[in-house]
N, C-alpha and C. Protein backbone atom coordinates (compact mmCIF):
# COMPACT_ATOMS: atom_id res chain seq x y z
N MET A 1 16.80 -12.16 12.95
CA MET A 1 16.12 -11.96 12.21
C MET A 1 14.63 -13.30 12.52
N PHE A 2 13.61 -12.86 11.76
CA PHE A 2 12.23 -13.41 12.06
C PHE A 2 11.46 -13.89 10.77
N ASP A 3 10.64 -15.10 10.86
CA ASP A 3 10.10 -15.36 10.02
C ASP A 3 8.90 -14.33 9.62
N VAL A 4 8.86 -14.05 8.15
CA VAL A 4 7.25 -13.42 7.81
C VAL A 4 7.18 -13.91 7.00
N GLU A 5 5.86 -14.38 6.89
CA GLU A 5 4.84 -15.09 5.81
C GLU A 5 3.98 -13.94 5.34
N ILE A 6 3.98 -14.12 3.83
CA ILE A 6 3.36 -12.79 3.32
C ILE A 6 2.44 -13.73 2.38
N ILE A 7 1.46 -13.39 2.20
CA ILE A 7 0.07 -14.14 1.75
C ILE A 7 -1.08 -13.35 1.10
N ALA A 8 -1.46 -13.94 0.06
CA ALA A 8 -2.49 -12.70 -0.33
C ALA A 8 -4.08 -13.62 0.47
N VAL A 9 -4.35 -12.34 0.13
CA VAL A 9 -5.90 -13.01 1.37
C VAL A 9 -6.85 -11.97 0.78
N SER A 10 -8.34 -12.33 0.84
CA SER A 10 -9.14 -11.64 0.11
C SER A 10 -9.41 -10.14 0.79
N PRO A 11 -9.64 -9.20 0.08
CA PRO A 11 -9.29 -7.83 0.32
C PRO A 11 -11.09 -7.20 1.35
N THR A 12 -11.95 -8.43 1.16
CA THR A 12 -13.15 -8.36 1.70
C THR A 12 -13.07 -9.42 3.22
N SER A 13 -11.61 -9.87 3.24
CA SER A 13 -11.88 -10.99 4.40
C SER A 13 -11.51 -9.94 5.81
N ARG A 14 -11.67 -10.60 7.13
CA ARG A 14 -12.02 -10.03 8.00
C ARG A 14 -10.61 -9.85 8.47
N GLU A 15 -9.60 -10.31 8.33
CA GLU A 15 -8.40 -9.91 8.70
C GLU A 15 -7.77 -8.43 8.12
N ALA A 16 -8.34 -8.69 6.60
CA ALA A 16 -7.91 -6.97 5.71
C ALA A 16 -8.71 -6.17 6.16
N ALA A 17 -9.98 -6.27 6.44
CA ALA A 17 -10.77 -5.35 7.56
C ALA A 17 -10.40 -5.02 8.18
N GLN A 18 -9.75 -5.50 9.65
CA GLN A 18 -9.42 -5.04 10.62
C GLN A 18 -8.18 -4.37 10.17
N LEU A 19 -7.12 -4.93 9.51
CA LEU A 19 -6.15 -3.77 9.20
C LEU A 19 -6.22 -2.56 8.86
N MET A 20 -7.17 -2.33 7.65
CA MET A 20 -7.56 -1.62 7.17
C MET A 20 -8.00 -0.38 7.74
N THR A 21 -8.96 -1.12 9.02
CA THR A 21 -9.72 0.18 9.74
C THR A 21 -8.56 0.57 10.98
N GLU A 22 -7.34 -0.33 10.90
CA GLU A 22 -6.65 0.47 11.74
C GLU A 22 -5.76 1.33 10.97
N LEU A 23 -5.42 1.49 9.82
CA LEU A 23 -4.60 2.58 8.95
C LEU A 23 -5.94 3.35 8.88
N ASP A 24 -6.77 3.25 8.74
CA ASP A 24 -7.88 4.42 8.59
C ASP A 24 -7.76 5.10 9.65
N ALA A 25 -7.72 4.72 11.17
CA ALA A 25 -7.45 5.20 12.22
C ALA A 25 -6.30 6.36 12.50
N GLU A 26 -5.42 5.59 11.79
CA GLU A 26 -4.33 6.15 12.01
C GLU A 26 -4.09 7.62 10.78
N ILE A 27 -4.30 7.39 9.85
CA ILE A 27 -4.76 8.67 8.83
C ILE A 27 -6.03 9.60 9.39
N GLN A 28 -6.77 9.14 10.56
CA GLN A 28 -7.53 10.39 11.06
C GLN A 28 -6.76 10.98 11.83
N ARG A 29 -5.37 10.18 12.85
CA ARG A 29 -4.61 10.67 13.77
C ARG A 29 -3.72 12.01 12.97
N ARG A 30 -3.44 11.46 12.00
CA ARG A 30 -2.18 12.24 11.08
C ARG A 30 -3.22 13.60 10.28
N TYR A 31 -4.06 13.27 9.75
CA TYR A 31 -4.93 14.20 9.19
C TYR A 31 -6.38 14.36 9.06
N PRO A 32 -6.50 14.85 10.54
CA PRO A 32 -8.17 14.99 11.24
C PRO A 32 -9.15 15.61 9.92
N GLY A 33 -10.22 15.18 10.26
CA GLY A 33 -11.17 15.08 9.26
C GLY A 33 -11.05 15.02 7.33
N VAL A 34 -9.83 14.62 7.42
CA VAL A 34 -9.50 13.93 5.80
C VAL A 34 -9.72 12.75 5.72
N THR A 35 -10.35 12.50 4.29
CA THR A 35 -11.21 11.22 4.24
C THR A 35 -9.89 10.19 3.57
N ALA A 36 -9.98 8.66 3.86
CA ALA A 36 -8.92 8.46 3.69
C ALA A 36 -9.01 7.74 2.31
N HIS A 37 -8.24 7.40 1.24
CA HIS A 37 -8.11 7.25 -0.23
C HIS A 37 -7.89 6.05 -0.07
N GLY A 38 -8.82 4.80 0.42
CA GLY A 38 -9.17 3.38 0.55
C GLY A 38 -9.28 2.46 -0.88
N LEU A 39 -9.79 1.44 -1.03
CA LEU A 39 -9.90 0.34 -1.75
C LEU A 39 -11.38 1.21 -2.23
N HIS A 40 -12.07 1.36 -3.25
CA HIS A 40 -13.53 1.45 -3.78
C HIS A 40 -13.84 0.12 -3.71
N GLN A 41 -15.34 0.07 -3.85
CA GLN A 41 -16.42 -1.03 -3.95
C GLN A 41 -15.56 -1.77 -5.09
N ARG A 42 -15.71 -0.90 -6.27
CA ARG A 42 -15.15 -1.20 -8.11
C ARG A 42 -13.69 -1.96 -7.99
N ASP A 43 -12.62 -1.53 -6.62
CA ASP A 43 -11.53 -2.58 -6.70
C ASP A 43 -11.83 -3.62 -5.90
N LEU A 44 -12.59 -3.55 -4.96
CA LEU A 44 -12.92 -4.77 -4.17
C LEU A 44 -13.84 -5.86 -5.01
N ASP A 45 -14.32 -5.61 -6.14
CA ASP A 45 -14.76 -6.61 -7.40
C ASP A 45 -14.14 -6.86 -8.17
N ASP A 46 -12.89 -6.07 -8.50
CA ASP A 46 -11.96 -6.09 -9.41
C ASP A 46 -11.40 -7.60 -9.34
N PRO A 47 -11.12 -8.45 -10.29
CA PRO A 47 -10.31 -9.30 -9.74
C PRO A 47 -8.47 -9.52 -9.93
N ARG A 48 -8.55 -8.07 -10.53
CA ARG A 48 -7.09 -7.78 -10.66
C ARG A 48 -6.52 -7.13 -9.34
N THR A 49 -7.28 -7.23 -8.09
CA THR A 49 -6.84 -6.33 -6.84
C THR A 49 -6.18 -7.83 -6.35
N VAL A 50 -5.03 -6.99 -5.49
CA VAL A 50 -4.38 -7.74 -4.58
C VAL A 50 -4.14 -7.30 -3.61
N PHE A 51 -4.65 -8.15 -2.67
CA PHE A 51 -4.47 -7.86 -0.80
C PHE A 51 -3.36 -8.65 -0.47
N LEU A 52 -2.18 -8.08 0.20
CA LEU A 52 -1.14 -9.36 0.91
C LEU A 52 -1.23 -8.83 2.56
N VAL A 53 -1.07 -9.84 2.99
CA VAL A 53 -0.73 -9.96 4.20
C VAL A 53 0.61 -10.14 4.97
N ALA A 54 1.07 -9.27 5.81
CA ALA A 54 2.26 -10.27 6.21
C ALA A 54 1.99 -10.84 7.61
N ARG A 55 2.48 -11.86 8.05
CA ARG A 55 2.72 -12.36 9.61
C ARG A 55 3.56 -12.91 10.14
N VAL A 56 3.97 -12.72 11.54
CA VAL A 56 4.88 -13.05 12.20
C VAL A 56 4.31 -13.94 13.32
N ALA A 57 4.80 -15.14 13.17
CA ALA A 57 4.23 -16.15 14.16
C ALA A 57 2.73 -16.35 14.15
N GLY A 58 1.84 -16.13 12.99
CA GLY A 58 0.71 -16.20 12.91
C GLY A 58 -0.16 -15.18 12.75
N GLU A 59 0.82 -13.77 13.65
CA GLU A 59 -0.07 -12.44 13.32
C GLU A 59 0.28 -11.64 12.30
N ALA A 60 -1.24 -11.48 12.03
CA ALA A 60 -1.07 -10.46 10.88
C ALA A 60 -0.49 -9.04 11.47
N CYS A 61 0.38 -8.45 10.50
CA CYS A 61 1.03 -7.54 11.41
C CYS A 61 1.20 -6.77 10.37
N ALA A 62 1.04 -6.76 9.08
CA ALA A 62 0.83 -5.22 8.14
C ALA A 62 0.41 -6.12 7.16
N CYS A 63 0.29 -5.28 5.63
CA CYS A 63 -0.97 -5.40 4.55
C CYS A 63 -0.40 -4.24 3.52
N GLY A 64 -0.86 -4.57 2.09
CA GLY A 64 -0.72 -3.86 1.29
C GLY A 64 -1.49 -4.20 -0.08
N ALA A 65 -1.77 -3.45 -0.83
CA ALA A 65 -2.68 -3.85 -2.43
C ALA A 65 -2.09 -3.19 -3.09
N LEU A 66 -2.64 -3.92 -4.28
CA LEU A 66 -2.25 -3.58 -5.64
C LEU A 66 -3.79 -3.36 -6.51
N ARG A 67 -4.34 -2.00 -6.77
CA ARG A 67 -4.95 -2.15 -7.52
C ARG A 67 -4.93 -1.49 -9.24
N ALA A 68 -5.68 -2.33 -10.37
CA ALA A 68 -5.01 -1.68 -11.44
C ALA A 68 -5.57 -0.34 -11.78
N LEU A 69 -4.77 0.30 -12.62
CA LEU A 69 -4.91 1.88 -13.02
C LEU A 69 -5.21 1.75 -14.43
N GLU A 70 -4.47 1.09 -15.23
CA GLU A 70 -4.44 0.84 -16.63
C GLU A 70 -3.68 -0.19 -17.20
N PRO A 71 -3.76 -0.67 -18.47
CA PRO A 71 -3.02 -1.42 -18.98
C PRO A 71 -1.28 -1.32 -19.01
N GLY A 72 -0.85 -2.28 -18.18
CA GLY A 72 0.49 -2.08 -17.60
C GLY A 72 0.85 -1.28 -16.19
N THR A 73 -0.05 -0.54 -15.51
CA THR A 73 0.55 0.08 -14.47
C THR A 73 -0.57 -0.29 -13.44
N ALA A 74 -0.05 -0.52 -12.42
CA ALA A 74 -0.83 -0.63 -11.20
C ALA A 74 -0.33 0.38 -10.09
N GLU A 75 -1.33 0.43 -8.88
CA GLU A 75 -1.27 1.57 -7.71
C GLU A 75 -0.78 0.85 -6.51
N VAL A 76 -0.02 1.04 -5.57
CA VAL A 76 0.14 0.17 -4.24
C VAL A 76 -0.72 1.52 -3.65
N LYS A 77 -1.58 0.39 -2.86
CA LYS A 77 -2.51 1.13 -1.50
C LYS A 77 -2.44 0.13 -0.48
N ARG A 78 -2.78 0.48 0.58
CA ARG A 78 -2.95 0.40 1.85
C ARG A 78 -1.87 -0.56 2.48
N MET A 79 -0.79 0.52 2.48
CA MET A 79 0.51 -0.11 2.93
C MET A 79 0.25 0.36 4.04
N TYR A 80 0.26 -0.66 5.69
CA TYR A 80 0.35 -0.39 6.73
C TYR A 80 1.43 -1.70 7.59
N VAL A 81 2.00 -1.10 8.37
CA VAL A 81 2.19 -1.91 9.80
C VAL A 81 1.93 -1.71 11.00
N ARG A 82 1.51 -2.60 11.57
CA ARG A 82 1.00 -2.54 13.09
C ARG A 82 2.11 -1.61 13.93
N ASP A 83 2.08 -0.32 14.79
CA ASP A 83 2.67 -0.31 15.52
C ASP A 83 3.89 -1.09 16.24
N GLN A 84 3.63 -2.09 16.76
CA GLN A 84 4.52 -3.02 17.37
C GLN A 84 5.61 -3.90 16.64
N PHE A 85 4.92 -3.75 15.20
CA PHE A 85 5.71 -4.36 14.25
C PHE A 85 6.77 -3.41 13.51
N ARG A 86 6.88 -2.32 13.90
CA ARG A 86 7.41 -1.22 12.77
C ARG A 86 8.85 -1.29 13.64
N ARG A 87 9.66 -0.88 12.49
CA ARG A 87 11.30 -0.66 12.42
C ARG A 87 11.84 -2.29 12.49
N ARG A 88 11.27 -3.35 11.97
CA ARG A 88 11.74 -4.07 11.13
C ARG A 88 11.88 -4.83 10.09
N SER A 89 11.81 -3.62 9.15
CA SER A 89 11.51 -3.80 7.64
C SER A 89 10.31 -4.24 7.22
N LEU A 90 9.69 -4.43 8.17
CA LEU A 90 8.36 -5.22 7.28
C LEU A 90 7.16 -4.10 5.94
N GLY A 91 7.48 -3.16 6.12
CA GLY A 91 7.37 -2.23 5.18
C GLY A 91 7.98 -2.51 3.93
N ARG A 92 9.28 -2.51 3.53
CA ARG A 92 10.19 -2.50 2.88
C ARG A 92 9.71 -4.18 2.12
N ARG A 93 9.89 -4.86 3.07
CA ARG A 93 9.34 -6.70 2.74
C ARG A 93 7.70 -6.63 1.85
N MET A 94 6.95 -6.02 2.64
CA MET A 94 5.34 -5.84 2.16
C MET A 94 5.93 -5.43 0.70
N LEU A 95 6.11 -3.68 0.46
CA LEU A 95 6.78 -3.41 -1.31
C LEU A 95 7.16 -4.08 -1.78
N ALA A 96 8.29 -5.21 -1.56
CA ALA A 96 8.76 -5.75 -2.03
C ALA A 96 7.96 -6.93 -2.84
N ALA A 97 7.22 -7.31 -1.98
CA ALA A 97 6.08 -8.59 -2.25
C ALA A 97 5.18 -8.08 -3.24
N LEU A 98 4.80 -6.84 -3.56
CA LEU A 98 4.24 -6.28 -3.82
C LEU A 98 4.85 -5.93 -5.17
N GLU A 99 5.73 -5.35 -5.38
CA GLU A 99 6.46 -5.30 -6.82
C GLU A 99 6.52 -6.66 -7.17
N SER A 100 6.80 -7.58 -6.98
CA SER A 100 6.94 -9.07 -7.58
C SER A 100 6.14 -9.60 -7.94
N THR A 101 4.60 -9.35 -7.34
CA THR A 101 3.33 -9.80 -7.64
C THR A 101 2.55 -9.02 -8.85
N ALA A 102 3.02 -7.69 -8.73
CA ALA A 102 3.11 -6.96 -9.73
C ALA A 102 3.68 -7.06 -11.01
N ARG A 103 4.68 -7.11 -10.89
CA ARG A 103 5.70 -7.69 -12.16
C ARG A 103 5.11 -9.20 -12.92
N GLU A 104 4.84 -10.52 -11.75
CA GLU A 104 4.29 -11.25 -12.26
C GLU A 104 2.96 -11.08 -13.23
N ALA A 105 2.36 -10.11 -12.80
CA ALA A 105 0.92 -10.07 -13.28
C ALA A 105 1.06 -9.02 -14.86
N GLY A 106 2.49 -8.89 -14.89
CA GLY A 106 2.89 -7.98 -16.32
C GLY A 106 2.70 -6.78 -16.26
N VAL A 107 2.09 -6.22 -15.24
CA VAL A 107 2.60 -4.91 -14.77
C VAL A 107 4.10 -3.84 -14.84
N THR A 108 4.04 -3.11 -15.58
CA THR A 108 5.37 -2.77 -15.67
C THR A 108 5.62 -1.17 -15.06
N ARG A 109 4.73 -1.07 -14.60
CA ARG A 109 4.88 0.32 -13.75
C ARG A 109 3.80 0.58 -12.38
N LEU A 110 4.44 0.94 -11.40
CA LEU A 110 3.41 1.12 -10.27
C LEU A 110 3.56 2.62 -9.82
N ARG A 111 2.26 3.23 -9.53
CA ARG A 111 2.09 4.09 -8.89
C ARG A 111 1.54 3.80 -7.41
N LEU A 112 1.97 5.18 -6.44
CA LEU A 112 1.56 5.38 -5.69
C LEU A 112 1.05 6.07 -5.18
N GLU A 113 0.69 7.09 -3.81
CA GLU A 113 0.01 8.14 -3.13
C GLU A 113 0.16 7.90 -1.59
N THR A 114 0.83 8.77 -0.53
CA THR A 114 1.24 9.02 0.44
C THR A 114 1.32 10.63 0.64
N GLY A 115 0.80 10.73 2.27
CA GLY A 115 0.63 11.78 2.55
C GLY A 115 1.85 12.65 2.64
N ASP A 116 1.62 13.81 2.96
CA ASP A 116 3.37 14.89 3.49
C ASP A 116 3.40 14.59 4.66
N ARG A 117 2.52 14.01 5.85
CA ARG A 117 2.81 13.70 7.25
C ARG A 117 3.15 12.46 7.93
N GLN A 118 3.90 11.93 6.26
CA GLN A 118 3.80 10.64 6.75
C GLN A 118 5.62 9.75 6.05
N PRO A 119 6.80 11.32 6.68
CA PRO A 119 7.71 11.12 6.38
C PRO A 119 8.63 9.71 5.86
N GLU A 120 8.63 8.50 6.96
CA GLU A 120 8.51 7.69 7.13
C GLU A 120 8.36 6.85 5.66
N ALA A 121 7.25 6.69 5.52
CA ALA A 121 6.64 6.31 4.43
C ALA A 121 7.06 6.71 2.63
N ILE A 122 7.58 8.10 3.16
CA ILE A 122 7.95 8.84 1.79
C ILE A 122 9.66 8.65 1.77
N ALA A 123 10.61 8.21 2.44
CA ALA A 123 11.66 7.66 2.88
C ALA A 123 11.79 6.29 2.22
N LEU A 124 10.81 5.42 2.47
CA LEU A 124 10.93 3.95 2.53
C LEU A 124 10.54 4.32 0.96
N TYR A 125 9.66 4.75 0.23
CA TYR A 125 9.33 4.44 -1.08
C TYR A 125 10.42 5.28 -1.90
N GLU A 126 11.33 6.57 -1.58
CA GLU A 126 11.83 6.59 -2.33
C GLU A 126 13.71 6.12 -2.50
N SER A 127 13.80 5.01 -0.94
CA SER A 127 14.67 4.59 -1.18
C SER A 127 14.50 2.90 -1.80
N ALA A 128 13.10 2.83 -2.23
CA ALA A 128 13.02 1.47 -2.91
C ALA A 128 12.94 1.84 -4.43
N GLY A 129 13.59 3.15 -5.00
CA GLY A 129 13.46 3.60 -6.22
C GLY A 129 12.13 4.70 -6.63
N PHE A 130 11.32 4.66 -5.73
CA PHE A 130 10.33 5.52 -6.55
C PHE A 130 10.26 6.62 -6.52
N VAL A 131 9.72 7.14 -7.71
CA VAL A 131 10.21 8.98 -8.10
C VAL A 131 9.29 9.98 -7.98
N THR A 132 9.18 11.12 -7.46
CA THR A 132 8.17 12.03 -7.50
C THR A 132 7.47 12.01 -8.70
N ILE A 133 6.20 12.25 -8.48
CA ILE A 133 5.33 12.93 -9.64
C ILE A 133 4.05 13.54 -9.30
N GLU A 134 3.83 13.94 -10.43
CA GLU A 134 2.51 15.15 -9.83
C GLU A 134 1.00 14.20 -9.60
N PRO A 135 0.59 14.53 -8.74
CA PRO A 135 -1.02 13.92 -8.10
C PRO A 135 -1.42 13.10 -9.49
N PHE A 136 -2.23 12.01 -9.26
CA PHE A 136 -2.80 11.68 -10.38
C PHE A 136 -4.07 11.31 -9.82
N GLY A 137 -4.81 11.24 -10.74
CA GLY A 137 -6.53 10.84 -10.78
C GLY A 137 -7.09 11.35 -9.30
N GLU A 138 -7.48 10.62 -8.88
CA GLU A 138 -8.35 11.21 -6.99
C GLU A 138 -7.55 12.04 -6.21
N TYR A 139 -5.97 11.97 -6.31
CA TYR A 139 -5.05 12.90 -5.76
C TYR A 139 -5.40 14.15 -6.29
N SER A 140 -5.36 14.43 -7.76
CA SER A 140 -5.39 15.82 -8.28
C SER A 140 -6.00 17.18 -7.62
N GLY A 141 -4.87 18.14 -7.40
CA GLY A 141 -5.67 19.19 -6.31
C GLY A 141 -5.49 18.89 -5.02
N ASN A 142 -5.05 17.51 -4.36
CA ASN A 142 -5.14 17.23 -2.58
C ASN A 142 -3.87 18.06 -2.18
N ASP A 143 -3.64 19.32 -1.03
CA ASP A 143 -2.89 19.32 -0.94
C ASP A 143 -1.40 18.60 0.45
N PHE A 144 -2.28 17.51 0.34
CA PHE A 144 -1.39 16.62 1.55
C PHE A 144 -0.74 15.65 0.27
N SER A 145 -1.25 15.35 -0.46
CA SER A 145 -0.80 14.10 -1.38
C SER A 145 0.33 14.21 -2.13
N ARG A 146 1.38 13.61 -1.96
CA ARG A 146 2.90 13.25 -2.59
C ARG A 146 2.66 11.72 -3.30
N CYS A 147 2.80 12.01 -4.57
CA CYS A 147 2.90 10.61 -5.55
C CYS A 147 4.08 10.53 -5.89
N PHE A 148 4.34 9.06 -6.16
CA PHE A 148 5.14 8.73 -6.93
C PHE A 148 5.04 7.64 -7.58
N GLU A 149 6.08 7.01 -8.36
CA GLU A 149 5.95 6.27 -9.82
C GLU A 149 7.18 5.52 -9.42
N LYS A 150 7.26 4.09 -10.04
CA LYS A 150 8.29 3.18 -10.62
C LYS A 150 8.12 2.16 -11.12
N THR A 151 9.27 2.23 -12.27
CA THR A 151 9.35 1.31 -13.61
C THR A 151 9.55 0.12 -13.13
N ILE A 152 9.22 -1.17 -12.95
CA ILE A 152 9.45 -2.51 -12.68
C ILE A 152 9.81 -3.46 -13.49
N ALA A 153 9.82 -3.12 -15.14
CA ALA A 153 10.00 -3.91 -15.71
C ALA A 153 11.17 -4.30 -15.96
C-alpha cells in the first residue's frame, strides 16, 4: 500500500486547473465534439464548492469536487485519476473522501453524472452504493449521460 494525502484546494488553483484540463482532454477522446459538464463560474464562486486533490509522494494524482444543488443535496463533479495512478483504488478513496466531506457539511444525498463510455466509472459508483436515476438538471436529454444518486445520511 502507499500513502495518499487528500486535501481541499481552491478549484481555481493551478493544480486543480491542470487536473481538470487533463480530464477535459480525456472526455474529448471518449466523446469527440461533446462539451464537458465541468464546474461553472457560479460553482467556482460558491463557497460551498469543495475541490479535493489526492497526492502520492507529493504528486497530484486524482481529483474530485462537490457542488451544492439544493438544501441537503450535492453533486459529485470532476472525478479524475491520472493514467499512471489508475488501478490503485484512488478513485474509490476520492469518492469516500467526497462523501465524508459532504456528510460533514450536512449533505444527505449525493448525485452524479458520468457518461455511457466510462464503464469503469459506472462500476465504481454502483459498487459504492449509487443507484441509477433519470438524468437531472443540465444532463436531461443528453443521450450519453448516466446519472446516479446515493443517500449518505
